[in-house]
């Protein structure tokens, strides 16, 4: 498993946790996925 994949998985899990607390799990999972992809892009961009 790559470090970049862990960034996405972590953001999705955090989003799911917040979503379960608010009652909107699916929406926050998608928000976490989007944030994870943005962070993965930024992390990859800073390495090159």
Protein backbone atom coordinates (compact mmCIF):
# COMPACT_ATOMS: atom_id res chain seq x y z
CA UNK A 1 0.00 0.00 0.00
CA UNK A 2 1.39 3.36 -1.00
CA UNK A 3 1.54 6.38 1.29
CA UNK A 4 -0.66 8.34 -1.14
CA UNK A 5 -3.37 5.70 -0.82
CA UNK A 6 -3.28 6.03 2.96
CA UNK A 7 -4.01 9.75 2.61
CA UNK A 8 -7.20 9.00 0.68
CA UNK A 9 -8.30 6.21 3.02
CA UNK A 10 -7.70 8.36 6.08
CA UNK A 11 -9.73 11.24 4.69
CA UNK A 12 -12.59 8.92 3.75
CA UNK A 13 -12.63 7.38 7.24
CA UNK A 14 -12.55 10.80 8.91
CA UNK A 15 -15.36 11.94 6.61
CA UNK A 16 -17.41 8.85 7.45
CA UNK A 17 -16.91 9.44 11.17
CA UNK A 18 -18.06 13.05 10.93
CA UNK A 19 -20.95 11.96 8.73
CA UNK A 20 -22.10 9.36 11.23
CA UNK A 21 -22.13 12.00 13.95
CA UNK A 22 -24.20 14.39 11.82
CA UNK A 23 -26.45 11.78 10.19
CA UNK A 24 -25.15 12.36 6.64
CA UNK A 25 -22.53 9.64 6.28
CA UNK A 26 -22.63 9.26 2.48
CA UNK A 27 -22.21 12.97 1.78
CA UNK A 28 -19.26 13.30 4.16
CA UNK A 29 -17.62 10.17 2.71
CA UNK A 30 -17.72 11.83 -0.70
CA UNK A 31 -16.35 15.08 0.75
CA UNK A 32 -13.56 13.12 2.44
CA UNK A 33 -12.79 11.37 -0.84
CA UNK A 34 -12.50 14.68 -2.65
CA UNK A 35 -10.27 16.16 0.06
CA UNK A 36 -8.15 13.00 -0.02
CA UNK A 37 -7.61 13.29 -3.77
CA UNK A 38 -6.66 16.96 -3.41
CA UNK A 39 -4.18 16.18 -0.64
CA UNK A 40 -2.75 13.29 -2.66
CA UNK A 41 -2.28 15.60 -5.64
CA UNK A 42 -0.61 18.26 -3.52
CA UNK A 43 1.65 15.71 -1.80
CA UNK A 44 2.71 14.26 -5.14
CA UNK A 45 3.28 17.68 -6.63
CA UNK A 46 5.60 18.75 -3.80
CA UNK A 47 7.80 15.66 -4.26
CA UNK A 48 8.65 16.40 -7.89
